[in-house]
Amino acid sequence: MRRFVSLFLTLLILAGCAKTPVTHRSQLILISPKEEMALGLREAEKIKKESKLLPDSDPRVQRVRRIGERIAAVANRPDFQWEFNVIESDQVNAFCLPGGKVFFYTGILKLTSNDDQIATVMGHEIAHALARHGAERMSMQMLAQAGAIALAVGTRDSSPAERAAYLGAYGLGSTLGVMLPYSRKHEHEADEIGIYLMWKAGYNPHEAVKFWKKMAKLSEGKAPPEFLSTHPSDASRIKAIEEYIKTLPEHP
């Protein structure tokens, strides 16, 4: 345990302040981008083995990849190993792992009316990865628990306990990669960065408002889908998005 605490203190001393893209918010992150991406790429392989992926020939996969590649092109992360997958499931959900591994569920695709609305979801999830929200959450856990999860920053094969710590930090369920909630601050930030990305890629940001209104209607009178669990209230989210769209120039 003493060795773990020593490692934790060393990481804390060496850690620098990162900044999120677009919003430029300062962050204290104790995990290097290389370590974070290694964790994400390894987890992506496990999710692909555990999930029912649609084949590359499926039109839904081709559509998601076309939209994802356009947004990835403006994300300015050539170090990411971008990959876009679709999982056969009624879950209303999507997520992006560190390193650029994106997963959509067919359940959320059914709620999108056009490419712009798919781009809304795509931009939001990619924004979480670009802003390193998972690494930030994991760092906060490390600060709270000292050396208890220090081993989780390693890039070697992880134990079940280490994987559980990683999954919790990145908002993933242990079986099918179900997204659990980020903080409300992270959600608002992912909305803003995501809107910027879709606008920069040439998609209509006003469709984001229509999509979130549709999601709000879906959750009326019942528990929200996983994609909205403990997220900002529908009204505050939509208002914030509308205000941010007003600040964007007419053309990228």
Protein backbone atom coordinates (compact mmCIF):
# COMPACT_ATOMS: atom_id res chain seq x y z
CA MET A 1 0.00 0.00 0.00
CA ARG A 2 2.87 2.36 0.79
CA ARG A 3 4.20 1.82 -2.74
CA PHE A 4 0.80 2.67 -4.21
CA VAL A 5 0.52 5.87 -2.17
CA SER A 6 4.03 6.82 -3.27
CA LEU A 7 3.04 6.28 -6.90
CA PHE A 8 -0.07 8.37 -6.41
CA LEU A 9 1.89 11.25 -4.87
CA THR A 10 4.42 11.11 -7.72
CA LEU A 11 1.61 11.30 -10.27
CA LEU A 12 0.09 14.25 -8.44
CA ILE A 13 3.41 16.12 -8.45
CA LEU A 14 4.03 15.42 -12.14
CA ALA A 15 0.48 16.12 -13.29
CA GLY A 16 -0.09 19.32 -15.18
CA CYS A 17 -3.20 21.32 -15.85
CA ALA A 18 -4.91 20.34 -19.07
CA LYS A 19 -7.43 22.46 -20.94
CA THR A 20 -10.56 21.35 -22.72
CA PRO A 21 -10.96 22.15 -26.44
CA VAL A 22 -13.37 24.92 -27.44
CA THR A 23 -14.36 25.83 -23.84
CA HIS A 24 -10.73 26.07 -22.63
CA ARG A 25 -11.62 25.01 -19.08
CA SER A 26 -8.63 24.09 -16.89
CA GLN A 27 -8.48 20.50 -15.65
CA LEU A 28 -6.30 18.55 -13.24
CA ILE A 29 -5.73 15.14 -14.84
CA LEU A 30 -3.44 12.54 -13.31
CA ILE A 31 -3.47 10.15 -16.26
CA SER A 32 -1.37 10.71 -19.36
CA PRO A 33 -3.11 10.78 -22.76
CA LYS A 34 -1.09 7.71 -23.78
CA GLU A 35 -2.27 5.71 -20.76
CA GLU A 36 -5.84 6.89 -21.21
CA MET A 37 -5.96 5.88 -24.87
CA ALA A 38 -4.40 2.49 -24.13
CA LEU A 39 -7.18 1.84 -21.63
CA GLY A 40 -9.81 2.97 -24.12
CA LEU A 41 -8.49 0.87 -27.00
CA ARG A 42 -8.29 -2.22 -24.82
CA GLU A 43 -11.82 -1.70 -23.51
CA ALA A 44 -13.14 -1.21 -27.05
CA GLU A 45 -11.94 -4.67 -28.02
CA LYS A 46 -13.73 -6.19 -25.03
CA ILE A 47 -16.95 -4.37 -25.88
CA LYS A 48 -16.82 -5.56 -29.47
CA LYS A 49 -16.47 -9.15 -28.29
CA GLU A 50 -19.36 -8.80 -25.83
CA SER A 51 -21.78 -6.97 -28.16
CA LYS A 52 -23.81 -7.76 -31.25
CA LEU A 53 -22.18 -5.48 -33.83
CA LEU A 54 -23.87 -4.80 -37.14
CA PRO A 55 -21.77 -5.81 -40.18
CA ASP A 56 -19.85 -3.22 -42.18
CA SER A 57 -22.24 -3.72 -45.09
CA ASP A 58 -25.25 -2.55 -43.07
CA PRO A 59 -26.47 0.88 -44.32
CA ARG A 60 -26.79 2.09 -40.72
CA VAL A 61 -23.12 1.39 -40.08
CA GLN A 62 -22.10 3.10 -43.31
CA ARG A 63 -24.19 6.15 -42.43
CA VAL A 64 -22.78 6.43 -38.91
CA ARG A 65 -19.23 6.06 -40.21
CA ARG A 66 -19.72 8.69 -42.91
CA ILE A 67 -20.99 11.20 -40.35
CA GLY A 68 -18.38 10.21 -37.79
CA GLU A 69 -15.53 10.63 -40.23
CA ARG A 70 -16.69 14.15 -41.09
CA ILE A 71 -16.75 15.14 -37.43
CA ALA A 72 -13.46 13.37 -36.72
CA ALA A 73 -11.89 15.38 -39.54
CA VAL A 74 -12.57 18.65 -37.69
CA ALA A 75 -11.75 17.25 -34.24
CA ASN A 76 -8.04 17.68 -35.04
CA ARG A 77 -6.88 14.53 -33.26
CA PRO A 78 -4.72 12.62 -35.74
CA ASP A 79 -3.40 10.56 -32.83
CA PHE A 80 -6.85 8.99 -32.34
CA GLN A 81 -7.53 5.62 -33.98
CA TRP A 82 -11.03 6.52 -35.12
CA GLU A 83 -13.53 3.70 -35.49
CA PHE A 84 -17.34 3.80 -35.72
CA ASN A 85 -19.49 0.84 -34.75
CA VAL A 86 -23.21 0.16 -34.37
CA ILE A 87 -24.56 -2.28 -31.76
CA GLU A 88 -27.88 -4.04 -32.25
CA SER A 89 -29.83 -3.04 -29.15
CA ASP A 90 -32.98 -1.13 -28.23
CA GLN A 91 -31.00 0.95 -25.74
CA VAL A 92 -31.18 4.66 -26.45
CA ASN A 93 -27.48 5.21 -26.13
CA ALA A 94 -24.09 5.98 -27.70
CA PHE A 95 -20.56 6.57 -26.41
CA CYS A 96 -17.00 7.32 -27.49
CA LEU A 97 -13.99 5.79 -25.73
CA PRO A 98 -10.59 7.48 -25.39
CA GLY A 99 -8.70 6.98 -28.60
CA GLY A 100 -11.73 7.51 -30.84
CA LYS A 101 -13.67 4.24 -30.64
CA VAL A 102 -17.33 5.23 -31.13
CA PHE A 103 -20.32 2.97 -30.50
CA PHE A 104 -23.95 3.73 -31.41
CA TYR A 105 -26.92 1.60 -30.40
CA THR A 106 -29.65 1.02 -32.97
CA GLY A 107 -32.12 2.27 -30.35
CA ILE A 108 -30.83 5.82 -30.53
CA LEU A 109 -30.58 5.77 -34.32
CA LYS A 110 -34.33 5.13 -34.47
CA LEU A 111 -34.89 8.49 -32.76
CA THR A 112 -32.84 10.49 -35.24
CA SER A 113 -34.66 12.01 -38.22
CA ASN A 114 -31.68 13.00 -40.36
CA ASP A 115 -27.89 13.12 -40.59
CA ASP A 116 -27.79 16.37 -38.61
CA GLN A 117 -29.40 14.70 -35.62
CA ILE A 118 -27.02 11.75 -35.81
CA ALA A 119 -24.24 14.36 -35.93
CA THR A 120 -25.70 15.88 -32.75
CA VAL A 121 -25.21 12.61 -30.89
CA MET A 122 -21.87 11.95 -32.56
CA GLY A 123 -20.50 15.38 -31.70
CA HIS A 124 -21.66 15.12 -28.09
CA GLU A 125 -20.02 11.74 -27.52
CA ILE A 126 -16.79 12.62 -29.32
CA ALA A 127 -16.70 15.80 -27.21
CA HIS A 128 -16.54 13.71 -24.03
CA ALA A 129 -13.44 11.95 -25.35
CA LEU A 130 -11.78 15.13 -26.64
CA ALA A 131 -12.37 16.90 -23.33
CA ARG A 132 -11.03 13.85 -21.45
CA HIS A 133 -14.01 13.81 -19.12
CA GLY A 134 -13.39 10.17 -18.23
CA ALA A 135 -9.78 10.85 -17.27
CA GLU A 136 -10.93 13.84 -15.23
CA ARG A 137 -13.45 11.71 -13.34
CA MET A 138 -10.89 8.99 -12.79
CA SER A 139 -8.42 11.57 -11.47
CA MET A 140 -11.03 12.83 -9.00
CA GLN A 141 -11.49 9.25 -7.81
CA MET A 142 -7.75 8.93 -7.39
CA LEU A 143 -7.64 12.11 -5.36
CA ALA A 144 -10.46 10.85 -3.15
CA GLN A 145 -9.11 7.34 -2.69
CA ALA A 146 -5.36 8.05 -2.77
CA GLY A 147 -3.56 4.88 -3.83
CA ALA A 148 -6.62 2.63 -3.88
CA ILE A 149 -6.96 2.76 -7.66
CA ALA A 150 -3.45 3.86 -8.58
CA LEU A 151 -2.91 0.54 -10.33
CA ALA A 152 -5.71 1.39 -12.76
CA VAL A 153 -3.51 3.88 -14.59
CA GLY A 154 -1.23 1.10 -15.85
CA THR A 155 -1.50 -0.09 -19.43
CA ARG A 156 -0.90 -3.75 -18.67
CA ASP A 157 -3.72 -6.32 -18.45
CA SER A 158 -6.01 -5.21 -15.66
CA SER A 159 -7.56 -7.23 -12.87
CA PRO A 160 -11.37 -7.32 -12.43
CA ALA A 161 -11.08 -4.71 -9.67
CA GLU A 162 -9.01 -2.39 -11.84
CA ARG A 163 -11.39 -2.78 -14.76
CA ALA A 164 -14.32 -1.95 -12.46
CA ALA A 165 -12.57 1.27 -11.43
CA TYR A 166 -11.93 2.15 -15.08
CA LEU A 167 -15.50 1.37 -16.12
CA GLY A 168 -16.91 3.52 -13.34
CA ALA A 169 -14.68 6.45 -14.26
CA TYR A 170 -15.56 6.32 -17.94
CA GLY A 171 -19.26 5.75 -17.37
CA LEU A 172 -19.41 2.27 -18.87
CA GLY A 173 -21.39 -0.72 -17.70
CA SER A 174 -19.56 -4.00 -17.24
CA THR A 175 -21.39 -5.97 -19.95
CA LEU A 176 -22.44 -3.99 -23.01
CA GLY A 177 -20.70 -0.67 -22.46
CA VAL A 178 -23.82 1.19 -21.32
CA MET A 179 -23.06 4.85 -20.72
CA LEU A 180 -23.66 5.98 -17.16
CA PRO A 181 -23.92 9.65 -16.31
CA TYR A 182 -21.13 12.14 -16.49
CA SER A 183 -21.50 15.14 -14.23
CA ARG A 184 -23.88 17.90 -15.29
CA LYS A 185 -20.90 20.16 -15.86
CA HIS A 186 -19.40 17.63 -18.24
CA GLU A 187 -22.71 17.17 -20.02
CA HIS A 188 -23.17 20.89 -20.66
CA GLU A 189 -19.58 21.10 -21.83
CA ALA A 190 -20.01 18.12 -24.17
CA ASP A 191 -23.12 19.80 -25.59
CA GLU A 192 -21.18 22.97 -26.36
CA ILE A 193 -18.14 21.22 -27.83
CA GLY A 194 -20.38 18.81 -29.74
CA ILE A 195 -22.42 21.63 -31.27
CA TYR A 196 -19.20 23.32 -32.35
CA LEU A 197 -17.92 20.10 -33.94
CA MET A 198 -21.10 19.40 -35.90
CA TRP A 199 -21.25 23.03 -37.06
CA LYS A 200 -17.58 22.92 -38.08
CA ALA A 201 -18.25 19.71 -40.02
CA GLY A 202 -21.05 21.41 -41.96
CA TYR A 203 -24.10 20.04 -40.14
CA ASN A 204 -27.05 22.17 -39.08
CA PRO A 205 -26.76 22.89 -35.31
CA HIS A 206 -30.44 23.88 -35.09
CA GLU A 207 -31.26 20.20 -35.56
CA ALA A 208 -29.60 19.60 -32.18
CA VAL A 209 -32.41 21.54 -30.53
CA LYS A 210 -35.02 19.41 -32.32
CA PHE A 211 -33.21 16.23 -31.27
CA TRP A 212 -33.01 17.17 -27.58
CA LYS A 213 -36.67 18.21 -27.59
CA LYS A 214 -37.44 14.76 -28.96
CA MET A 215 -35.39 13.20 -26.17
CA ALA A 216 -37.22 15.35 -23.62
CA LYS A 217 -40.55 14.12 -24.92
CA LEU A 218 -39.33 10.53 -24.72
CA SER A 219 -38.63 10.87 -21.01
CA GLU A 220 -41.93 12.56 -20.10
CA GLY A 221 -43.71 10.77 -17.28
CA LYS A 222 -41.18 7.98 -16.97
CA ALA A 223 -37.57 7.29 -16.13
CA PRO A 224 -35.24 8.74 -18.76
CA PRO A 225 -33.28 6.44 -21.07
CA GLU A 226 -29.67 5.68 -20.18
CA PHE A 227 -28.49 8.43 -22.52
CA LEU A 228 -30.22 11.03 -20.31
CA SER A 229 -29.67 9.52 -16.87
CA THR A 230 -29.07 12.33 -14.33
CA HIS A 231 -28.14 14.65 -17.18
CA PRO A 232 -29.03 18.35 -17.03
CA SER A 233 -32.74 19.07 -17.03
CA ASP A 234 -34.25 19.11 -20.51
CA ALA A 235 -35.19 22.77 -20.25
CA SER A 236 -31.74 23.95 -19.10
CA ARG A 237 -29.96 21.85 -21.69
CA ILE A 238 -32.09 23.08 -24.60
CA LYS A 239 -31.84 26.70 -23.46
CA ALA A 240 -28.05 26.48 -23.17
CA ILE A 241 -27.77 24.92 -26.63
CA GLU A 242 -29.99 27.60 -28.17
CA GLU A 243 -27.87 30.33 -26.59
CA TYR A 244 -24.62 28.77 -27.77
CA ILE A 245 -25.89 28.38 -31.34
CA LYS A 246 -26.51 32.16 -31.42
CA THR A 247 -22.77 32.73 -30.93
CA LEU A 248 -21.77 30.69 -33.98
CA PRO A 249 -21.01 32.45 -37.26
CA GLU A 250 -23.30 31.70 -40.18
CA HIS A 251 -20.63 29.59 -41.87
CA PRO A 252 -17.73 27.53 -40.46
